[in-house]
Amino acid sequence: MNLAVVALFAWRVNYILPWYGSLFLSTLGYTRDDEAVLGSPSTSALAWVVLRRALTFLIDFLLTIFVWPWPVEFAFGVAHGNPAWWRWKTGFRDKEVYVRRSRGEWDSGLLEDVMSTPEGVEKRRLIILKSTKATDPLLLKEKTGYLLMNADWDLDWAAMVDATRLVDDKAVAQQAFERAVILYSREFGWVCIDRKQLGEPGAGGPGAEEDERRRQVLAFRDALAAVGKEDMFYRWIEIVQFEVSQPGGFGEEKQVEVAGRIREMFAAEGIDFDKFWKEAVGSDTAEGLAGMS
């Protein structure tokens, strides 16, 4: 898309620059504006000339102000790096580290207030709310880094290059960057949010246990999709949710019964549920069999 924008601008400049040049020389009196003064133009003809030129100026103004910055920022942005430089430095990889930086004024002085003022509790909730939404497992699973940019967050290309270099040098494991939230304080320096402690349900988002459950479910779904059995995932969900909604609750005996039915359903498709869950998720099947309740 950026290449298309550059090509569009190259064509537009080549097409319109001579016209602007002749208009400028006419304004200085070096040439005559034949379009405006040739013969005895009527009022309507002059109005049409003025309108057409006004539209030309408006179109070029909009292109320059709102469209041209895209490819310029893409290839030459310097504030926090740019996508072209990041890709040149890191190349194409199966797994990439992307870093987002807060955008706007919502974080101004936030960490200092959290640490030192009575209003720190509310400010703390705001930090957790923003970071929890931004690092939601389902959101990260379904969207690329580009699509995660919004009014609150922008990609930091320079930081992404630095993070990738740390991974390549084996100074930091790539898993260390997974859903990490780091804030800077003038008084305390860099501070990392411990999501296992601060991600409780009352802090503005799902707790760490719920996050882990969702991660497991998504990993299991992807593993089934990889072998062409994604429909089994939805059948599993339907069975558990149906049983949970039935009168009498979803006690231990009921869970054992449902677990047996789920094993049989997967076995009929040639899948050993316990083994498949272990390979896909990395944990035992206690939660996988009837853990959607």
C-alpha atoms as a PDB file:
ATOM      1  CA  MET A   1       0.000   0.000   0.000  1.00  0.00           C
ATOM      2  CA  ASN A   2       2.807   2.395   0.852  1.00  0.00           C
ATOM      3  CA  LEU A   3       4.448   1.677  -2.499  1.00  0.00           C
ATOM      4  CA  ALA A   4       1.139   2.423  -4.194  1.00  0.00           C
ATOM      5  CA  VAL A   5       0.918   5.763  -2.358  1.00  0.00           C
ATOM      6  CA  VAL A   6       4.480   6.650  -3.406  1.00  0.00           C
ATOM      7  CA  ALA A   7       3.686   5.744  -7.017  1.00  0.00           C
ATOM      8  CA  LEU A   8       0.530   7.863  -6.868  1.00  0.00           C
ATOM      9  CA  PHE A   9       2.457  10.847  -5.571  1.00  0.00           C
ATOM     10  CA  ALA A  10       5.216  10.432  -8.165  1.00  0.00           C
ATOM     11  CA  TRP A  11       2.609  10.458 -10.919  1.00  0.00           C
ATOM     12  CA  ARG A  12       0.782  13.415  -9.374  1.00  0.00           C
ATOM     13  CA  VAL A  13       3.948  15.483  -8.983  1.00  0.00           C
ATOM     14  CA  ASN A  14       5.045  14.733 -12.543  1.00  0.00           C
ATOM     15  CA  TYR A  15       1.603  15.679 -13.820  1.00  0.00           C
ATOM     16  CA  ILE A  16       0.829  18.779 -11.767  1.00  0.00           C
ATOM     17  CA  LEU A  17       4.223  20.385 -11.083  1.00  0.00           C
ATOM     18  CA  PRO A  18       4.519  22.065 -14.520  1.00  0.00           C
ATOM     19  CA  TRP A  19       1.032  23.512 -14.026  1.00  0.00           C
ATOM     20  CA  TYR A  20       1.966  24.955 -10.628  1.00  0.00           C
ATOM     21  CA  GLY A  21       5.168  26.318 -12.157  1.00  0.00           C
ATOM     22  CA  SER A  22       3.331  28.148 -14.928  1.00  0.00           C
ATOM     23  CA  LEU A  23       0.789  29.457 -12.425  1.00  0.00           C
ATOM     24  CA  PHE A  24       3.573  30.774 -10.202  1.00  0.00           C
ATOM     25  CA  LEU A  25       5.330  32.496 -13.118  1.00  0.00           C
ATOM     26  CA  SER A  26       2.018  34.008 -14.189  1.00  0.00           C
ATOM     27  CA  THR A  27       1.501  35.374 -10.675  1.00  0.00           C
ATOM     28  CA  LEU A  28       4.932  37.047 -10.838  1.00  0.00           C
ATOM     29  CA  GLY A  29       4.052  38.547 -14.216  1.00  0.00           C
ATOM     30  CA  TYR A  30       6.601  36.657 -16.295  1.00  0.00           C
ATOM     31  CA  THR A  31       3.987  34.814 -18.334  1.00  0.00           C
ATOM     32  CA  ARG A  32       0.338  35.301 -19.215  1.00  0.00           C
ATOM     33  CA  ASP A  33      -2.403  33.122 -17.777  1.00  0.00           C
ATOM     34  CA  ASP A  34      -4.072  32.282 -21.075  1.00  0.00           C
ATOM     35  CA  GLU A  35      -6.767  30.184 -19.446  1.00  0.00           C
ATOM     36  CA  ALA A  36      -8.051  33.148 -17.448  1.00  0.00           C
ATOM     37  CA  VAL A  37      -7.529  36.053 -19.872  1.00  0.00           C
ATOM     38  CA  LEU A  38      -7.742  34.545 -23.358  1.00  0.00           C
ATOM     39  CA  GLY A  39     -10.442  36.372 -25.290  1.00  0.00           C
ATOM     40  CA  SER A  40     -13.222  37.908 -23.220  1.00  0.00           C
ATOM     41  CA  PRO A  41     -14.224  35.189 -20.766  1.00  0.00           C
ATOM     42  CA  SER A  42     -17.695  35.366 -19.286  1.00  0.00           C
ATOM     43  CA  THR A  43     -18.405  35.447 -15.590  1.00  0.00           C
ATOM     44  CA  SER A  44     -19.461  31.800 -15.632  1.00  0.00           C
ATOM     45  CA  ALA A  45     -16.246  30.806 -17.436  1.00  0.00           C
ATOM     46  CA  LEU A  46     -14.131  32.655 -14.877  1.00  0.00           C
ATOM     47  CA  ALA A  47     -16.124  31.060 -12.056  1.00  0.00           C
ATOM     48  CA  TRP A  48     -15.439  27.630 -13.552  1.00  0.00           C
ATOM     49  CA  VAL A  49     -11.692  28.383 -13.733  1.00  0.00           C
ATOM     50  CA  VAL A  50     -11.663  29.523 -10.103  1.00  0.00           C
ATOM     51  CA  LEU A  51     -13.665  26.497  -8.951  1.00  0.00           C
ATOM     52  CA  ARG A  52     -11.472  24.034 -10.845  1.00  0.00           C
ATOM     53  CA  ARG A  53      -8.293  25.551  -9.450  1.00  0.00           C
ATOM     54  CA  ALA A  54      -9.733  25.615  -5.931  1.00  0.00           C
ATOM     55  CA  LEU A  55     -10.555  21.911  -6.201  1.00  0.00           C
ATOM     56  CA  THR A  56      -7.050  21.197  -7.492  1.00  0.00           C
ATOM     57  CA  PHE A  57      -5.513  23.063  -4.558  1.00  0.00           C
ATOM     58  CA  LEU A  58      -7.806  21.241  -2.113  1.00  0.00           C
ATOM     59  CA  ILE A  59      -7.028  17.786  -3.505  1.00  0.00           C
ATOM     60  CA  ASP A  60      -3.282  18.378  -3.439  1.00  0.00           C
ATOM     61  CA  PHE A  61      -3.514  19.838   0.060  1.00  0.00           C
ATOM     62  CA  LEU A  62      -5.381  16.778   1.370  1.00  0.00           C
ATOM     63  CA  LEU A  63      -2.952  14.402  -0.334  1.00  0.00           C
ATOM     64  CA  THR A  64       0.050  16.216   1.132  1.00  0.00           C
ATOM     65  CA  ILE A  65      -1.289  16.587   4.671  1.00  0.00           C
ATOM     66  CA  PHE A  66      -3.167  13.336   5.229  1.00  0.00           C
ATOM     67  CA  VAL A  67      -1.834  10.737   2.767  1.00  0.00           C
ATOM     68  CA  TRP A  68       1.811  11.547   2.095  1.00  0.00           C
ATOM     69  CA  PRO A  69       2.893  11.132   5.778  1.00  0.00           C
ATOM     70  CA  TRP A  70       2.070   7.394   5.619  1.00  0.00           C
ATOM     71  CA  PRO A  71       4.900   6.284   3.308  1.00  0.00           C
ATOM     72  CA  VAL A  72       7.247   8.913   4.776  1.00  0.00           C
ATOM     73  CA  GLU A  73       6.681   7.601   8.297  1.00  0.00           C
ATOM     74  CA  PHE A  74       6.878   4.026   7.012  1.00  0.00           C
ATOM     75  CA  ALA A  75      10.349   4.462   5.529  1.00  0.00           C
ATOM     76  CA  PHE A  76      11.861   7.500   7.259  1.00  0.00           C
ATOM     77  CA  GLY A  77      10.178   7.843  10.662  1.00  0.00           C
ATOM     78  CA  VAL A  78      12.714   8.692  13.370  1.00  0.00           C
ATOM     79  CA  ALA A  79      10.714   9.246  16.581  1.00  0.00           C
ATOM     80  CA  HIS A  80      10.561   5.534  17.452  1.00  0.00           C
ATOM     81  CA  GLY A  81      12.050   3.961  14.345  1.00  0.00           C
ATOM     82  CA  ASN A  82      10.015   2.865  11.344  1.00  0.00           C
ATOM     83  CA  PRO A  83       8.666  -0.381   9.836  1.00  0.00           C
ATOM     84  CA  ALA A  84      11.125  -0.443   6.931  1.00  0.00           C
ATOM     85  CA  TRP A  85      14.146  -0.138   9.231  1.00  0.00           C
ATOM     86  CA  TRP A  86      12.721  -2.749  11.634  1.00  0.00           C
ATOM     87  CA  ARG A  87      12.154  -5.257   8.837  1.00  0.00           C
ATOM     88  CA  TRP A  88      15.617  -4.597   7.401  1.00  0.00           C
ATOM     89  CA  LYS A  89      17.196  -5.233  10.796  1.00  0.00           C
ATOM     90  CA  THR A  90      15.185  -8.271  11.854  1.00  0.00           C
ATOM     91  CA  GLY A  91      14.192  -9.935   8.598  1.00  0.00           C
ATOM     92  CA  PHE A  92      11.231 -12.303   8.349  1.00  0.00           C
ATOM     93  CA  ARG A  93      10.719 -14.774  11.198  1.00  0.00           C
ATOM     94  CA  ASP A  94       8.216 -17.390  12.277  1.00  0.00           C
ATOM     95  CA  LYS A  95       7.916 -15.644  15.640  1.00  0.00           C
ATOM     96  CA  GLU A  96       8.498 -11.936  16.125  1.00  0.00           C
ATOM     97  CA  VAL A  97       8.660  -9.687  19.150  1.00  0.00           C
ATOM     98  CA  TYR A  98       6.587  -6.545  18.913  1.00  0.00           C
ATOM     99  CA  VAL A  99       6.570  -3.712  21.415  1.00  0.00           C
ATOM    100  CA  ARG A 100       3.836  -1.148  21.919  1.00  0.00           C
ATOM    101  CA  ARG A 101       4.261   2.294  23.440  1.00  0.00           C
ATOM    102  CA  SER A 102       1.461   4.244  25.083  1.00  0.00           C
ATOM    103  CA  ARG A 103      -0.027   6.915  22.865  1.00  0.00           C
ATOM    104  CA  GLY A 104      -1.753  10.114  23.942  1.00  0.00           C
ATOM    105  CA  GLU A 105      -1.843  11.712  27.371  1.00  0.00           C
ATOM    106  CA  TRP A 106      -3.580   9.033  29.419  1.00  0.00           C
ATOM    107  CA  ASP A 107      -0.292   7.822  30.965  1.00  0.00           C
ATOM    108  CA  SER A 108       1.207  11.238  31.768  1.00  0.00           C
ATOM    109  CA  GLY A 109       2.498  11.187  35.362  1.00  0.00           C
ATOM    110  CA  LEU A 110       0.499   8.058  36.013  1.00  0.00           C
ATOM    111  CA  LEU A 111       3.178   5.927  37.628  1.00  0.00           C
ATOM    112  CA  GLU A 112       4.367   8.716  39.942  1.00  0.00           C
ATOM    113  CA  ASP A 113       0.787   9.152  41.183  1.00  0.00           C
ATOM    114  CA  VAL A 114       0.432   5.419  41.749  1.00  0.00           C
ATOM    115  CA  MET A 115       3.528   5.352  43.916  1.00  0.00           C
ATOM    116  CA  SER A 116       3.171   8.565  45.878  1.00  0.00           C
ATOM    117  CA  THR A 117      -0.376   9.959  46.074  1.00  0.00           C
ATOM    118  CA  PRO A 118      -3.609   8.959  47.830  1.00  0.00           C
ATOM    119  CA  GLU A 119      -5.250   8.693  44.425  1.00  0.00           C
ATOM    120  CA  GLY A 120      -2.823   5.913  43.580  1.00  0.00           C
ATOM    121  CA  VAL A 121      -5.447   3.180  43.891  1.00  0.00           C
ATOM    122  CA  GLU A 122      -7.589   4.605  41.096  1.00  0.00           C
ATOM    123  CA  LYS A 123      -4.548   5.299  38.947  1.00  0.00           C
ATOM    124  CA  ARG A 124      -3.400   1.740  39.559  1.00  0.00           C
ATOM    125  CA  ARG A 125      -6.748   0.462  38.334  1.00  0.00           C
ATOM    126  CA  LEU A 126      -6.386   2.537  35.166  1.00  0.00           C
ATOM    127  CA  ILE A 127      -2.949   1.062  34.454  1.00  0.00           C
ATOM    128  CA  ILE A 128      -4.224  -2.475  34.970  1.00  0.00           C
ATOM    129  CA  LEU A 129      -7.330  -1.810  32.884  1.00  0.00           C
ATOM    130  CA  LYS A 130      -5.351  -0.455  29.935  1.00  0.00           C
ATOM    131  CA  SER A 131      -2.617  -3.091  30.068  1.00  0.00           C
ATOM    132  CA  THR A 132      -5.049  -5.972  30.575  1.00  0.00           C
ATOM    133  CA  LYS A 133      -7.096  -4.982  27.545  1.00  0.00           C
ATOM    134  CA  ALA A 134      -3.938  -4.523  25.482  1.00  0.00           C
ATOM    135  CA  THR A 135      -2.525  -7.942  26.421  1.00  0.00           C
ATOM    136  CA  ASP A 136      -5.703  -9.986  26.339  1.00  0.00           C
ATOM    137  CA  PRO A 137      -4.731 -13.487  25.116  1.00  0.00           C
ATOM    138  CA  LEU A 138      -7.597 -13.712  22.641  1.00  0.00           C
ATOM    139  CA  LEU A 139      -6.758 -10.286  21.218  1.00  0.00           C
ATOM    140  CA  LEU A 140      -3.093 -11.205  20.793  1.00  0.00           C
ATOM    141  CA  LYS A 141      -4.028 -14.516  19.221  1.00  0.00           C
ATOM    142  CA  GLU A 142      -6.375 -13.064  16.640  1.00  0.00           C
ATOM    143  CA  LYS A 143      -4.527  -9.878  15.628  1.00  0.00           C
ATOM    144  CA  THR A 144      -1.114  -8.948  14.276  1.00  0.00           C
ATOM    145  CA  GLY A 145       1.013  -6.183  15.746  1.00  0.00           C
ATOM    146  CA  TYR A 146      -0.209  -3.700  13.123  1.00  0.00           C
ATOM    147  CA  LEU A 147      -3.836  -4.321  14.043  1.00  0.00           C
ATOM    148  CA  LEU A 148      -3.134  -3.758  17.742  1.00  0.00           C
ATOM    149  CA  MET A 149      -2.365  -0.082  17.181  1.00  0.00           C
ATOM    150  CA  ASN A 150      -5.174   2.161  18.424  1.00  0.00           C
ATOM    151  CA  ALA A 151      -5.798   5.442  20.242  1.00  0.00           C
ATOM    152  CA  ASP A 152      -3.942   4.181  23.337  1.00  0.00           C
ATOM    153  CA  TRP A 153      -1.049   2.205  21.841  1.00  0.00           C
ATOM    154  CA  ASP A 154       1.437   2.581  18.995  1.00  0.00           C
ATOM    155  CA  LEU A 155       4.214   0.259  17.843  1.00  0.00           C
ATOM    156  CA  ASP A 156       7.749   1.159  18.957  1.00  0.00           C
ATOM    157  CA  TRP A 157       9.899  -0.050  16.059  1.00  0.00           C
ATOM    158  CA  ALA A 158      13.226   0.868  17.672  1.00  0.00           C
ATOM    159  CA  ALA A 159      12.339  -1.076  20.821  1.00  0.00           C
ATOM    160  CA  MET A 160      11.310  -4.031  18.658  1.00  0.00           C
ATOM    161  CA  VAL A 161      14.751  -4.057  17.043  1.00  0.00           C
ATOM    162  CA  ASP A 162      16.412  -3.934  20.475  1.00  0.00           C
ATOM    163  CA  ALA A 163      14.187  -6.712  21.827  1.00  0.00           C
ATOM    164  CA  THR A 164      14.901  -8.917  18.818  1.00  0.00           C
ATOM    165  CA  ARG A 165      18.633  -8.347  19.234  1.00  0.00           C
ATOM    166  CA  LEU A 166      18.413  -9.440  22.882  1.00  0.00           C
ATOM    167  CA  VAL A 167      16.641 -12.628  21.821  1.00  0.00           C
ATOM    168  CA  ASP A 168      19.183 -13.321  19.069  1.00  0.00           C
ATOM    169  CA  ASP A 169      22.064 -12.779  21.506  1.00  0.00           C
ATOM    170  CA  LYS A 170      20.327 -15.154  23.954  1.00  0.00           C
ATOM    171  CA  ALA A 171      20.500 -12.444  26.593  1.00  0.00           C
ATOM    172  CA  VAL A 172      16.738 -12.704  27.126  1.00  0.00           C
ATOM    173  CA  ALA A 173      14.389 -15.574  26.334  1.00  0.00           C
ATOM    174  CA  GLN A 174      11.661 -14.694  23.870  1.00  0.00           C
ATOM    175  CA  GLN A 175       9.061 -15.921  26.373  1.00  0.00           C
ATOM    176  CA  ALA A 176      10.120 -13.118  28.722  1.00  0.00           C
ATOM    177  CA  PHE A 177       8.488 -10.613  26.379  1.00  0.00           C
ATOM    178  CA  GLU A 178       5.185 -12.465  26.304  1.00  0.00           C
ATOM    179  CA  ARG A 179       2.517 -10.027  27.552  1.00  0.00           C
ATOM    180  CA  ALA A 180       5.133  -8.090  29.538  1.00  0.00           C
ATOM    181  CA  VAL A 181       4.067  -4.608  30.696  1.00  0.00           C
ATOM    182  CA  ILE A 182       6.855  -2.141  31.535  1.00  0.00           C
ATOM    183  CA  LEU A 183       6.460   1.436  32.757  1.00  0.00           C
ATOM    184  CA  TYR A 184       8.994   4.189  33.343  1.00  0.00           C
ATOM    185  CA  SER A 185       9.084   6.320  36.485  1.00  0.00           C
ATOM    186  CA  ARG A 186      11.410   9.269  37.000  1.00  0.00           C
ATOM    187  CA  GLU A 187      11.828   8.220  40.624  1.00  0.00           C
ATOM    188  CA  PHE A 188      11.987   4.429  40.325  1.00  0.00           C
ATOM    189  CA  GLY A 189      13.225   3.867  36.776  1.00  0.00           C
ATOM    190  CA  TRP A 190      11.747   0.990  34.787  1.00  0.00           C
ATOM    191  CA  VAL A 191       8.996  -0.895  36.598  1.00  0.00           C
ATOM    192  CA  CYS A 192       7.506  -4.178  35.397  1.00  0.00           C
ATOM    193  CA  ILE A 193       3.925  -5.121  36.240  1.00  0.00           C
ATOM    194  CA  ASP A 194       3.647  -8.598  37.721  1.00  0.00           C
ATOM    195  CA  ARG A 195       0.458  -9.720  36.029  1.00  0.00           C
ATOM    196  CA  LYS A 196       0.109 -12.769  38.277  1.00  0.00           C
ATOM    197  CA  GLN A 197      -0.249 -10.457  41.264  1.00  0.00           C
ATOM    198  CA  LEU A 198      -1.985  -7.476  39.702  1.00  0.00           C
ATOM    199  CA  GLY A 199      -4.218  -9.284  37.243  1.00  0.00           C
ATOM    200  CA  GLU A 200      -6.880 -10.219  39.771  1.00  0.00           C
ATOM    201  CA  PRO A 201     -10.495  -9.924  38.623  1.00  0.00           C
ATOM    202  CA  GLY A 202     -11.068  -6.816  40.720  1.00  0.00           C
ATOM    203  CA  ALA A 203      -8.230  -4.953  39.039  1.00  0.00           C
ATOM    204  CA  GLY A 204     -10.009  -4.256  35.801  1.00  0.00           C
ATOM    205  CA  GLY A 205      -9.548  -7.493  33.876  1.00  0.00           C
ATOM    206  CA  PRO A 206      -9.402 -11.282  34.038  1.00  0.00           C
ATOM    207  CA  GLY A 207      -7.117 -12.841  36.613  1.00  0.00           C
ATOM    208  CA  ALA A 208      -3.963 -14.755  35.873  1.00  0.00           C
ATOM    209  CA  GLU A 209      -5.734 -18.098  36.342  1.00  0.00           C
ATOM    210  CA  GLU A 210      -8.438 -17.175  33.854  1.00  0.00           C
ATOM    211  CA  ASP A 211      -5.820 -15.891  31.416  1.00  0.00           C
ATOM    212  CA  GLU A 212      -4.001 -19.223  31.604  1.00  0.00           C
ATOM    213  CA  ARG A 213      -7.245 -21.116  31.040  1.00  0.00           C
ATOM    214  CA  ARG A 214      -7.973 -19.077  27.934  1.00  0.00           C
ATOM    215  CA  ARG A 215      -4.443 -19.634  26.659  1.00  0.00           C
ATOM    216  CA  GLN A 216      -4.878 -23.382  27.026  1.00  0.00           C
ATOM    217  CA  VAL A 217      -8.221 -23.391  25.238  1.00  0.00           C
ATOM    218  CA  LEU A 218      -6.839 -21.354  22.337  1.00  0.00           C
ATOM    219  CA  ALA A 219      -3.790 -23.613  22.062  1.00  0.00           C
ATOM    220  CA  PHE A 220      -6.040 -26.685  22.009  1.00  0.00           C
ATOM    221  CA  ARG A 221      -8.267 -25.158  19.336  1.00  0.00           C
ATOM    222  CA  ASP A 222      -5.274 -24.308  17.140  1.00  0.00           C
ATOM    223  CA  ALA A 223      -3.852 -27.808  17.534  1.00  0.00           C
ATOM    224  CA  LEU A 224      -7.155 -29.362  16.442  1.00  0.00           C
ATOM    225  CA  ALA A 225      -7.396 -26.967  13.504  1.00  0.00           C
ATOM    226  CA  ALA A 226      -3.881 -27.960  12.435  1.00  0.00           C
ATOM    227  CA  VAL A 227      -5.009 -31.588  11.999  1.00  0.00           C
ATOM    228  CA  GLY A 228      -8.315 -30.678  10.358  1.00  0.00           C
ATOM    229  CA  LYS A 229     -10.456 -31.409  13.425  1.00  0.00           C
ATOM    230  CA  GLU A 230     -11.493 -27.913  14.509  1.00  0.00           C
ATOM    231  CA  ASP A 231     -15.140 -28.987  14.557  1.00  0.00           C
ATOM    232  CA  MET A 232     -14.260 -31.274  17.493  1.00  0.00           C
ATOM    233  CA  PHE A 233     -13.301 -28.217  19.501  1.00  0.00           C
ATOM    234  CA  TYR A 234     -16.738 -26.657  19.103  1.00  0.00           C
ATOM    235  CA  ARG A 235     -18.497 -29.946  19.842  1.00  0.00           C
ATOM    236  CA  TRP A 236     -16.453 -30.223  23.048  1.00  0.00           C
ATOM    237  CA  ILE A 237     -17.448 -26.686  24.050  1.00  0.00           C
ATOM    238  CA  GLU A 238     -21.118 -27.371  23.299  1.00  0.00           C
ATOM    239  CA  ILE A 239     -21.167 -30.532  25.416  1.00  0.00           C
ATOM    240  CA  VAL A 240     -19.605 -28.874  28.449  1.00  0.00           C
ATOM    241  CA  GLN A 241     -21.698 -25.716  28.264  1.00  0.00           C
ATOM    242  CA  PHE A 242     -24.889 -27.729  27.781  1.00  0.00           C
ATOM    243  CA  GLU A 243     -24.169 -29.860  30.839  1.00  0.00           C
ATOM    244  CA  VAL A 244     -23.278 -26.820  32.928  1.00  0.00           C
ATOM    245  CA  SER A 245     -26.651 -25.250  32.141  1.00  0.00           C
ATOM    246  CA  GLN A 246     -28.648 -28.308  33.226  1.00  0.00           C
ATOM    247  CA  PRO A 247     -30.533 -28.431  36.560  1.00  0.00           C
ATOM    248  CA  GLY A 248     -28.642 -30.069  39.384  1.00  0.00           C
ATOM    249  CA  GLY A 249     -25.347 -28.302  38.801  1.00  0.00           C
ATOM    250  CA  PHE A 250     -22.075 -29.589  37.446  1.00  0.00           C
ATOM    251  CA  GLY A 251     -20.690 -31.511  40.377  1.00  0.00           C
ATOM    252  CA  GLU A 252     -17.818 -33.944  40.530  1.00  0.00           C
ATOM    253  CA  GLU A 253     -19.850 -36.990  39.466  1.00  0.00           C
ATOM    254  CA  LYS A 254     -21.294 -35.122  36.511  1.00  0.00           C
ATOM    255  CA  GLN A 255     -17.831 -33.959  35.481  1.00  0.00           C
ATOM    256  CA  VAL A 256     -16.552 -37.549  35.486  1.00  0.00           C
ATOM    257  CA  GLU A 257     -19.491 -38.614  33.322  1.00  0.00           C
ATOM    258  CA  VAL A 258     -18.961 -35.756  30.851  1.00  0.00           C
ATOM    259  CA  ALA A 259     -15.217 -36.460  30.728  1.00  0.00           C
ATOM    260  CA  GLY A 260     -15.956 -40.024  29.675  1.00  0.00           C
ATOM    261  CA  ARG A 261     -18.278 -38.866  26.910  1.00  0.00           C
ATOM    262  CA  ILE A 262     -15.684 -36.401  25.654  1.00  0.00           C
ATOM    263  CA  ARG A 263     -12.992 -39.090  25.561  1.00  0.00           C
ATOM    264  CA  GLU A 264     -15.307 -41.382  23.610  1.00  0.00           C
ATOM    265  CA  MET A 265     -16.231 -38.618  21.167  1.00  0.00           C
ATOM    266  CA  PHE A 266     -12.579 -37.867  20.418  1.00  0.00           C
ATOM    267  CA  ALA A 267     -11.676 -41.564  20.263  1.00  0.00           C
ATOM    268  CA  ALA A 268     -14.332 -42.038  17.578  1.00  0.00           C
ATOM    269  CA  GLU A 269     -12.354 -39.535  15.491  1.00  0.00           C
ATOM    270  CA  GLY A 270      -9.075 -41.337  16.141  1.00  0.00           C
ATOM    271  CA  ILE A 271      -7.803 -38.850  18.745  1.00  0.00           C
ATOM    272  CA  ASP A 272      -6.556 -39.753  22.213  1.00  0.00           C
ATOM    273  CA  PHE A 273      -7.843 -36.732  24.132  1.00  0.00           C
ATOM    274  CA  ASP A 274      -5.404 -37.014  27.046  1.00  0.00           C
ATOM    275  CA  LYS A 275      -2.353 -37.348  24.825  1.00  0.00           C
ATOM    276  CA  PHE A 276      -3.487 -34.677  22.380  1.00  0.00           C
ATOM    277  CA  TRP A 277      -4.235 -32.170  25.137  1.00  0.00           C
ATOM    278  CA  LYS A 278      -0.846 -32.808  26.744  1.00  0.00           C
ATOM    279  CA  GLU A 279       0.979 -32.234  23.465  1.00  0.00           C
ATOM    280  CA  ALA A 280      -1.013 -29.117  22.570  1.00  0.00           C
ATOM    281  CA  VAL A 281      -1.235 -27.426  25.962  1.00  0.00           C
ATOM    282  CA  GLY A 282       1.574 -28.888  28.022  1.00  0.00           C
ATOM    283  CA  SER A 283      -0.522 -29.781  31.077  1.00  0.00           C
ATOM    284  CA  ASP A 284      -2.693 -32.687  32.211  1.00  0.00           C
ATOM    285  CA  THR A 285      -6.290 -33.060  31.067  1.00  0.00           C
ATOM    286  CA  ALA A 286      -8.055 -32.326  34.368  1.00  0.00           C
ATOM    287  CA  GLU A 287      -9.196 -28.921  33.126  1.00  0.00           C
ATOM    288  CA  GLY A 288      -9.388 -29.848  29.488  1.00  0.00           C
ATOM    289  CA  LEU A 289     -12.042 -32.537  29.810  1.00  0.00           C
ATOM    290  CA  ALA A 290     -14.632 -30.548  31.701  1.00  0.00           C
ATOM    291  CA  GLY A 291     -12.893 -27.338  32.554  1.00  0.00           C
ATOM    292  CA  MET A 292     -15.032 -24.902  30.608  1.00  0.00           C
ATOM    293  CA  SER A 293     -17.397 -24.471  33.522  1.00  0.00           C
END
